[in-house]
């Protein structure tokens, strides 16, 4: 695993969490 791959994975996780938080905010 390269650090670029880990960085990409980390940014993808942040985006997913952000979308989840936005989804939760719209639900409640």
C-alpha atoms as a PDB file:
ATOM      1  CA  UNK A   1       0.000   0.000   0.000  1.00  0.00           C
ATOM      2  CA  UNK A   2       1.282   3.419  -0.930  1.00  0.00           C
ATOM      3  CA  UNK A   3       0.658   6.568   1.091  1.00  0.00           C
ATOM      4  CA  UNK A   4      -1.230   8.006  -1.897  1.00  0.00           C
ATOM      5  CA  UNK A   5      -3.698   5.124  -1.699  1.00  0.00           C
ATOM      6  CA  UNK A   6      -4.134   5.647   2.038  1.00  0.00           C
ATOM      7  CA  UNK A   7      -4.628   9.374   1.513  1.00  0.00           C
ATOM      8  CA  UNK A   8      -7.289   8.701  -1.124  1.00  0.00           C
ATOM      9  CA  UNK A   9      -8.985   6.185   1.157  1.00  0.00           C
ATOM     10  CA  UNK A  10      -8.968   8.697   4.006  1.00  0.00           C
ATOM     11  CA  UNK A  11     -10.480  11.459   1.875  1.00  0.00           C
ATOM     12  CA  UNK A  12     -13.163   9.057   0.610  1.00  0.00           C
ATOM     13  CA  UNK A  13     -14.056   8.157   4.196  1.00  0.00           C
ATOM     14  CA  UNK A  14     -14.302  11.852   5.112  1.00  0.00           C
ATOM     15  CA  UNK A  15     -16.622  12.475   2.159  1.00  0.00           C
ATOM     16  CA  UNK A  16     -18.786   9.493   3.119  1.00  0.00           C
ATOM     17  CA  UNK A  17     -19.032  10.671   6.730  1.00  0.00           C
ATOM     18  CA  UNK A  18     -19.873  14.188   5.547  1.00  0.00           C
ATOM     19  CA  UNK A  19     -22.691  12.889   3.324  1.00  0.00           C
ATOM     20  CA  UNK A  20     -23.977  10.772   6.209  1.00  0.00           C
ATOM     21  CA  UNK A  21     -24.052  13.798   8.522  1.00  0.00           C
ATOM     22  CA  UNK A  22     -25.881  15.843   5.887  1.00  0.00           C
ATOM     23  CA  UNK A  23     -28.382  12.988   5.465  1.00  0.00           C
ATOM     24  CA  UNK A  24     -28.969  12.819   9.224  1.00  0.00           C
ATOM     25  CA  UNK A  25     -29.472  16.594   9.385  1.00  0.00           C
ATOM     26  CA  UNK A  26     -32.101  16.470   6.652  1.00  0.00           C
ATOM     27  CA  UNK A  27     -33.934  13.613   8.366  1.00  0.00           C
ATOM     28  CA  UNK A  28     -34.236  15.282  11.777  1.00  0.00           C
END
